[in-house]
Protein backbone atom coordinates (compact mmCIF):
# COMPACT_ATOMS: atom_id res chain seq x y z
CA MET A 1 0.00 0.00 0.00
CA ALA A 2 1.32 3.45 -0.92
CA HIS A 3 2.32 5.86 1.85
CA TRP A 4 -0.71 7.76 3.16
CA THR A 5 -0.34 11.49 2.48
CA ASN A 6 -3.66 12.92 3.73
CA SER A 7 -4.10 14.40 0.27
CA ILE A 8 -6.17 13.82 -2.83
CA ALA A 9 -3.19 11.87 -4.18
CA ASP A 10 -4.22 9.02 -1.85
CA VAL A 11 -6.94 8.29 -4.41
CA ALA A 12 -5.14 5.91 -6.75
CA GLY A 13 -4.84 7.09 -10.34
CA LEU A 14 -4.23 10.80 -9.75
CA THR A 15 -1.22 13.12 -9.73
CA ILE A 16 -1.10 16.82 -8.88
CA GLY A 17 1.16 19.55 -10.18
CA GLN A 18 1.42 23.19 -9.10
CA ALA A 19 3.09 26.32 -10.40
CA GLU A 20 3.06 29.86 -9.10
CA ASP A 21 4.62 33.28 -9.62
CA GLU A 22 5.43 34.98 -6.31
CA GLY A 23 5.54 38.47 -7.85
CA LEU A 24 2.21 37.90 -9.54
CA LYS A 25 0.80 36.39 -6.32
CA SER A 26 -1.09 33.84 -8.34
CA GLY A 27 -0.75 30.32 -9.65
CA VAL A 28 -2.23 27.13 -11.04
CA THR A 29 -3.03 23.68 -9.64
CA ALA A 30 -3.48 20.86 -12.14
CA LEU A 31 -4.86 17.40 -11.35
CA LEU A 32 -3.95 14.79 -13.97
CA CYS A 33 -5.69 11.44 -14.37
CA ASP A 34 -3.47 8.42 -15.11
CA THR A 35 -6.28 7.23 -17.38
CA PRO A 36 -9.44 9.20 -18.28
CA CYS A 37 -11.83 9.42 -15.32
CA VAL A 38 -15.60 9.78 -15.04
CA ALA A 39 -16.28 13.35 -13.92
CA ALA A 40 -19.08 15.74 -13.01
CA VAL A 41 -19.50 19.25 -11.63
CA HIS A 42 -21.91 21.17 -9.41
CA VAL A 43 -21.94 24.96 -9.09
CA MET A 44 -23.63 26.59 -6.09
CA GLY A 45 -22.07 30.05 -6.07
CA GLY A 46 -23.64 32.94 -7.92
CA ALA A 47 -20.52 34.13 -9.75
CA PRO A 48 -18.59 31.17 -11.24
CA GLY A 49 -15.81 31.25 -13.83
CA THR A 50 -15.41 27.99 -15.75
CA ARG A 51 -14.27 26.24 -18.91
CA ASP A 52 -15.77 23.07 -20.45
CA THR A 53 -18.18 22.38 -17.61
CA ASP A 54 -21.24 21.82 -19.83
CA LEU A 55 -19.71 18.62 -21.20
CA LEU A 56 -19.72 17.21 -17.64
CA LEU A 57 -23.52 17.28 -17.38
CA PRO A 58 -24.86 13.71 -17.03
CA GLU A 59 -26.91 13.94 -20.23
CA ASN A 60 -23.95 14.97 -22.40
CA THR A 61 -21.73 12.67 -24.45
CA VAL A 62 -18.20 12.96 -23.06
CA GLU A 63 -17.99 11.00 -19.80
CA ARG A 64 -14.32 11.14 -18.91
CA VAL A 65 -11.68 13.80 -18.47
CA ASP A 66 -7.90 13.76 -18.72
CA ALA A 67 -7.32 16.52 -16.16
CA LEU A 68 -8.92 19.24 -14.08
CA VAL A 69 -7.50 22.70 -13.43
CA LEU A 70 -7.92 25.20 -10.59
CA SER A 71 -6.38 28.60 -11.29
CA GLY A 72 -6.03 32.13 -10.01
CA GLY A 73 -6.28 35.07 -12.38
CA SER A 74 -10.03 35.49 -12.73
CA ALA A 75 -11.14 34.96 -16.35
CA PHE A 76 -7.53 35.33 -17.49
CA GLY A 77 -6.74 32.18 -15.55
CA LEU A 78 -8.88 30.04 -17.85
CA ASP A 79 -5.85 30.06 -20.16
CA ALA A 80 -4.21 27.65 -17.68
CA ALA A 81 -6.28 24.80 -19.09
CA SER A 82 -4.73 25.39 -22.52
CA GLY A 83 -1.29 24.93 -20.99
CA VAL A 84 -2.29 21.66 -19.33
CA GLN A 85 -3.95 20.58 -22.56
CA GLY A 86 -0.72 21.29 -24.46
CA ALA A 87 1.30 19.16 -22.04
CA LEU A 88 -1.19 16.29 -22.31
CA ARG A 89 -1.16 16.50 -26.11
CA GLU A 90 2.63 16.12 -26.04
CA MET A 91 2.08 12.98 -23.95
CA GLY A 92 -0.28 11.58 -26.60
CA ARG A 93 -3.29 11.94 -24.33
CA GLY A 94 -6.81 12.95 -25.31
CA PHE A 95 -10.29 12.03 -26.53
CA ALA A 96 -9.87 10.25 -29.86
CA VAL A 97 -11.72 11.75 -32.84
CA GLY A 98 -10.47 9.76 -35.79
CA PRO A 99 -6.69 10.32 -35.94
CA ALA A 100 -6.98 13.47 -33.79
CA ARG A 101 -6.73 13.56 -30.01
CA VAL A 102 -8.30 16.27 -27.86
CA PRO A 103 -7.32 16.32 -24.16
CA ILE A 104 -10.43 17.04 -22.06
CA VAL A 105 -9.47 19.59 -19.40
CA PRO A 106 -12.31 21.42 -17.59
CA ALA A 107 -11.23 24.31 -15.39
CA ALA A 108 -12.41 26.79 -12.77
CA ILE A 109 -10.88 30.08 -11.66
CA LEU A 110 -10.80 32.36 -8.64
CA PHE A 111 -10.37 36.14 -8.47
CA ASP A 112 -6.98 37.22 -7.08
CA LEU A 113 -6.34 40.40 -9.09
CA LEU A 114 -6.43 42.76 -6.08
CA ASN A 115 -4.15 40.91 -3.67
CA GLY A 116 -1.01 43.05 -3.88
CA GLY A 117 0.67 41.15 -6.72
CA ASP A 118 2.04 42.66 -9.93
CA LYS A 119 -0.58 42.02 -12.61
CA GLY A 120 1.16 44.08 -15.32
CA TRP A 121 1.83 41.10 -17.55
CA GLY A 122 1.53 42.87 -20.90
CA ARG A 123 -0.51 41.62 -23.84
CA PHE A 124 -1.04 38.02 -22.76
CA PRO A 125 -1.45 36.69 -19.20
CA PRO A 126 1.01 34.06 -17.94
CA TYR A 127 -1.52 31.38 -17.04
CA ARG A 128 -1.05 29.16 -20.10
CA ASP A 129 2.64 28.82 -19.25
CA LEU A 130 1.85 28.27 -15.57
CA GLY A 131 -0.62 25.55 -16.51
CA TYR A 132 1.98 23.83 -18.71
CA GLN A 133 4.54 23.98 -15.90
CA ALA A 134 2.04 22.61 -13.38
CA ALA A 135 1.22 19.65 -15.63
CA LEU A 136 4.89 18.77 -16.07
CA LYS A 137 5.40 18.83 -12.27
CA ALA A 138 2.53 16.42 -11.54
CA GLY A 139 3.25 13.85 -8.84
CA ARG A 140 1.92 12.42 -5.58
CA SER A 141 3.31 15.15 -3.33
CA VAL A 142 0.73 17.90 -2.70
CA ALA A 143 1.95 21.13 -1.10
CA THR A 144 -0.66 23.21 0.75
CA GLY A 145 -1.22 26.83 1.72
CA SER A 146 0.19 29.63 -0.45
CA VAL A 147 0.95 27.50 -3.50
CA GLY A 148 -0.62 26.82 -6.88
CA ALA A 149 -4.13 28.21 -7.24
CA GLY A 150 -4.04 29.18 -3.56
CA THR A 151 -0.99 31.45 -3.88
CA GLY A 152 -2.92 34.71 -3.81
CA ALA A 153 -6.21 33.55 -2.34
CA LEU A 154 -7.92 35.64 0.35
CA THR A 155 -10.84 35.16 2.74
CA ALA A 156 -12.61 37.50 5.19
CA GLY A 157 -9.68 38.94 7.15
CA LEU A 158 -7.14 36.19 6.42
CA LYS A 159 -5.15 34.79 3.53
CA GLY A 160 -6.77 31.77 1.92
CA GLY A 161 -4.84 28.96 0.32
CA LEU A 162 -4.69 25.53 -1.28
CA GLY A 163 -5.92 22.70 0.93
CA THR A 164 -6.27 18.94 0.65
CA ALA A 165 -7.38 15.99 2.77
CA SER A 166 -8.25 12.32 2.37
CA LEU A 167 -10.15 9.54 4.13
CA ARG A 168 -10.32 5.74 3.91
CA LEU A 169 -13.93 4.70 4.49
CA PRO A 170 -15.17 1.57 6.32
CA SER A 171 -16.38 0.29 2.95
CA GLY A 172 -12.77 0.33 1.72
CA PHE A 173 -13.22 3.20 -0.71
CA THR A 174 -10.99 6.27 -0.57
CA LEU A 175 -12.12 9.89 -0.75
CA GLY A 176 -9.89 12.90 -1.36
CA ALA A 177 -10.48 16.63 -1.67
CA LEU A 178 -8.43 19.45 -3.19
CA VAL A 179 -9.58 23.05 -2.79
CA ALA A 180 -8.48 26.63 -3.45
CA VAL A 181 -10.08 28.82 -0.75
CA ASN A 182 -10.77 32.41 -1.82
CA ALA A 183 -14.10 32.82 -0.06
CA LEU A 184 -16.11 35.95 0.61
CA GLY A 185 -16.71 34.61 4.10
CA SER A 186 -14.52 33.24 6.88
CA ALA A 187 -13.14 29.80 7.75
CA THR A 188 -12.72 30.78 11.41
CA VAL A 189 -15.31 31.39 14.12
CA GLY A 190 -15.77 35.10 14.68
CA ARG A 191 -12.35 36.67 15.29
CA THR A 192 -10.93 33.56 16.97
CA ARG A 193 -8.28 31.09 15.73
CA HIS A 194 -10.84 28.27 15.82
CA PHE A 195 -12.05 26.73 12.56
CA TRP A 196 -15.68 26.12 11.70
CA ALA A 197 -14.58 22.69 10.37
CA ALA A 198 -13.28 21.63 13.81
CA PRO A 199 -15.67 18.67 14.38
CA PHE A 200 -14.30 16.93 11.29
CA GLU A 201 -10.59 17.41 12.02
CA LYS A 202 -8.31 14.37 12.00
CA GLY A 203 -5.48 14.58 14.52
CA GLN A 204 -4.15 18.13 14.54
CA GLU A 205 -4.17 18.80 10.80
CA PHE A 206 -5.29 22.39 11.48
CA SER A 207 -3.90 22.65 15.03
CA GLY A 208 -6.56 20.69 16.93
CA LEU A 209 -8.17 23.67 18.64
CA GLY A 210 -11.77 22.46 18.45
CA TRP A 211 -14.55 25.01 18.70
CA PRO A 212 -14.23 27.95 21.09
CA SER A 213 -15.92 27.56 24.46
CA PRO A 214 -17.98 29.50 25.09
CA MET A 215 -18.91 30.32 21.52
CA PRO A 216 -18.24 34.05 20.97
CA GLU A 217 -21.27 36.30 20.68
CA ASP A 218 -20.15 37.45 17.22
CA ALA A 219 -19.69 33.90 15.90
CA THR A 220 -22.39 34.28 13.26
CA ALA A 221 -21.91 37.98 12.57
CA LEU A 222 -21.17 38.46 8.88
CA ARG A 223 -17.47 39.06 8.28
CA LEU A 224 -17.00 39.61 4.57
CA LYS A 225 -13.95 40.20 2.42
CA GLY A 226 -13.90 43.87 1.41
CA ARG A 227 -16.80 45.14 -0.63
CA PRO A 228 -18.69 42.16 -2.06
CA GLU A 229 -18.74 42.25 -5.84
CA PRO A 230 -19.71 39.50 -8.31
CA GLY A 231 -16.79 37.39 -9.45
CA THR A 232 -14.31 38.55 -6.81
CA ASN A 233 -14.64 35.56 -4.46
CA THR A 234 -14.87 31.82 -4.79
CA THR A 235 -13.99 28.44 -3.38
CA ILE A 236 -13.19 25.96 -6.14
CA ALA A 237 -12.63 22.31 -5.40
CA ILE A 238 -12.21 18.73 -6.60
CA LEU A 239 -13.65 15.68 -4.82
CA ALA A 240 -12.25 12.32 -5.93
CA THR A 241 -12.86 8.66 -5.15
CA ASP A 242 -11.47 5.34 -6.34
CA ALA A 243 -14.97 3.84 -6.68
CA VAL A 244 -16.50 2.84 -9.99
CA LEU A 245 -19.23 5.43 -10.56
CA THR A 246 -21.57 6.50 -13.31
CA LYS A 247 -21.57 10.12 -14.38
CA ALA A 248 -24.85 10.64 -12.49
CA GLN A 249 -23.38 9.17 -9.28
CA ALA A 250 -20.33 11.42 -9.65
CA LYS A 251 -22.70 14.36 -9.97
CA ARG A 252 -24.35 13.39 -6.69
CA LEU A 253 -20.97 13.44 -4.93
CA ALA A 254 -20.24 16.88 -6.40
CA VAL A 255 -23.51 18.02 -4.82
CA THR A 256 -22.90 16.48 -1.39
CA ALA A 257 -19.29 17.74 -1.26
CA HIS A 258 -20.73 21.26 -1.11
CA ASP A 259 -21.90 20.37 2.40
CA GLY A 260 -18.24 20.77 3.34
CA PHE A 261 -18.31 24.37 2.16
CA ALA A 262 -21.25 25.07 4.46
CA ARG A 263 -19.50 23.32 7.38
CA ALA A 264 -16.17 25.12 6.91
CA LEU A 265 -17.10 28.63 5.73
CA TRP A 266 -19.51 31.29 7.00
CA PRO A 267 -21.19 32.34 4.80
CA ALA A 268 -20.85 30.09 1.73
CA HIS A 269 -22.63 29.88 -1.62
CA THR A 270 -23.40 33.60 -1.72
CA PRO A 271 -24.41 35.52 -4.86
CA MET A 272 -20.87 36.96 -4.91
CA ASP A 273 -19.01 33.62 -4.62
CA GLY A 274 -18.32 31.27 -7.53
CA ASP A 275 -18.42 28.13 -5.37
CA LEU A 276 -17.91 24.98 -7.44
CA VAL A 277 -17.00 21.31 -6.95
CA PHE A 278 -15.70 18.97 -9.63
CA SER A 279 -15.99 15.26 -8.81
CA LEU A 280 -13.89 12.40 -10.19
CA ALA A 281 -14.12 8.62 -10.06
CA THR A 282 -10.86 6.86 -10.96
CA ALA A 283 -12.34 3.32 -10.68
CA ALA A 284 -9.01 2.13 -9.24
CA ALA A 285 -10.84 0.14 -6.53
CA GLU A 286 -12.51 -1.87 -9.32
CA ARG A 287 -15.73 -2.03 -7.30
CA VAL A 288 -19.17 -0.53 -7.74
CA PRO A 289 -20.53 0.83 -4.43
CA ASP A 290 -23.77 -0.69 -3.18
CA ALA A 291 -26.50 1.53 -1.73
CA ASP A 292 -24.89 1.64 1.73
CA ALA A 293 -21.45 2.46 0.40
CA MET A 294 -22.87 5.16 -1.84
CA MET A 295 -24.55 6.73 1.18
CA GLU A 296 -21.22 6.61 3.01
CA LEU A 297 -19.41 8.28 0.09
CA ALA A 298 -22.05 11.01 -0.03
CA ALA A 299 -21.91 11.71 3.70
CA PHE A 300 -18.13 11.79 4.03
CA SER A 301 -17.58 13.81 0.87
CA GLY A 302 -18.65 16.86 2.87
CA ALA A 303 -16.45 15.94 5.83
CA VAL A 304 -13.27 15.55 3.78
CA MET A 305 -14.03 18.78 1.91
CA ALA A 306 -14.46 20.73 5.16
CA ARG A 307 -11.06 19.49 6.37
CA ALA A 308 -9.38 20.48 3.11
CA ILE A 309 -10.84 24.00 3.32
CA ALA A 310 -9.57 24.52 6.86
CA ARG A 311 -6.12 23.24 5.93
CA GLY A 312 -5.92 25.67 3.00
CA VAL A 313 -6.39 28.66 5.32
CA HIS A 314 -4.36 27.17 8.19
CA ASP A 315 -1.31 26.48 6.00
CA ALA A 316 -1.07 29.87 4.25
CA THR A 317 2.31 31.57 4.62
CA PRO A 318 3.25 35.28 4.59
CA ALA A 319 4.88 36.95 1.59
CA ALA A 320 6.05 40.43 0.67
CA GLY A 321 3.23 42.77 -0.30
CA ASP A 322 0.44 40.80 1.37
CA VAL A 323 -2.78 42.72 1.92
CA MET A 324 -4.06 40.32 4.63
CA PRO A 325 -2.40 38.38 7.48
CA CYS A 326 -2.05 34.62 7.67
CA TRP A 327 -3.85 32.42 10.20
CA SER A 328 -0.45 31.69 11.79
CA SER A 329 -0.15 35.35 12.79
CA LEU A 330 -3.28 35.25 14.97
CA THR A 331 -2.81 35.19 18.73
């Protein structure tokens, strides 16, 4: 059995690559499938930014993807998928159409254009090159915090970041989550260091603080990031399992994984967030879940997502020019 990493890479059949530009304060996270995987998507935020998500609808023809991309850069960041696509094409990967091959690479972006980084990139943004670099770096090691798509992410009062977590279920299936947290709301309770996701924490993956006691009076007061505007906030994520799933079942897991957003962020799914979850089934377990196992996958998809969100904020690190502090600076 491979070494357990508490990351989405624990789901057999996946590798992850990341690339970032510290001056830009932005980056790209690419998840590559060893072989094409059944995939779906569910959007619950009011301001999403996406590429090739319509093909993931259960009624549409293409069932499997070669990769998924999470990127900073707002709409400019959608170019990252072209870079990943180029790398996959060089590898001979892609959906076969006669002699042609088209790598299938859906993507989602977050807004990080006002985070203190230098966005004066000239005529063309750098995200295609960052996507290509990320794809070439793909492996089983998954860095967290201020890396990849989480490099310049922000939340209400704190830096966001790139988070991941995994879980082996009693049924034997594995779940993993990967998320870039750039939410309008907050991952912490009021102005404390305690995470909303505390009940789901494993060990001390985000410092083991539990919930505050007593709960502060301002726990549910709205703490929002700056002036809420459409398209300037989002949490974008991938939920993966090694189960054999249909496209419709994968869609259901994309839906239930959003429960993790609601458990880990206050508020979530607002009109000004672009909250989105991709789901993947690698089929590496070579088993179809029965009704009980499918219920288990659905329930714990939210739990593993909540943990990944908290880790993304917890693991952020300071950098020159930051406009918000890191969680580690709180006392």
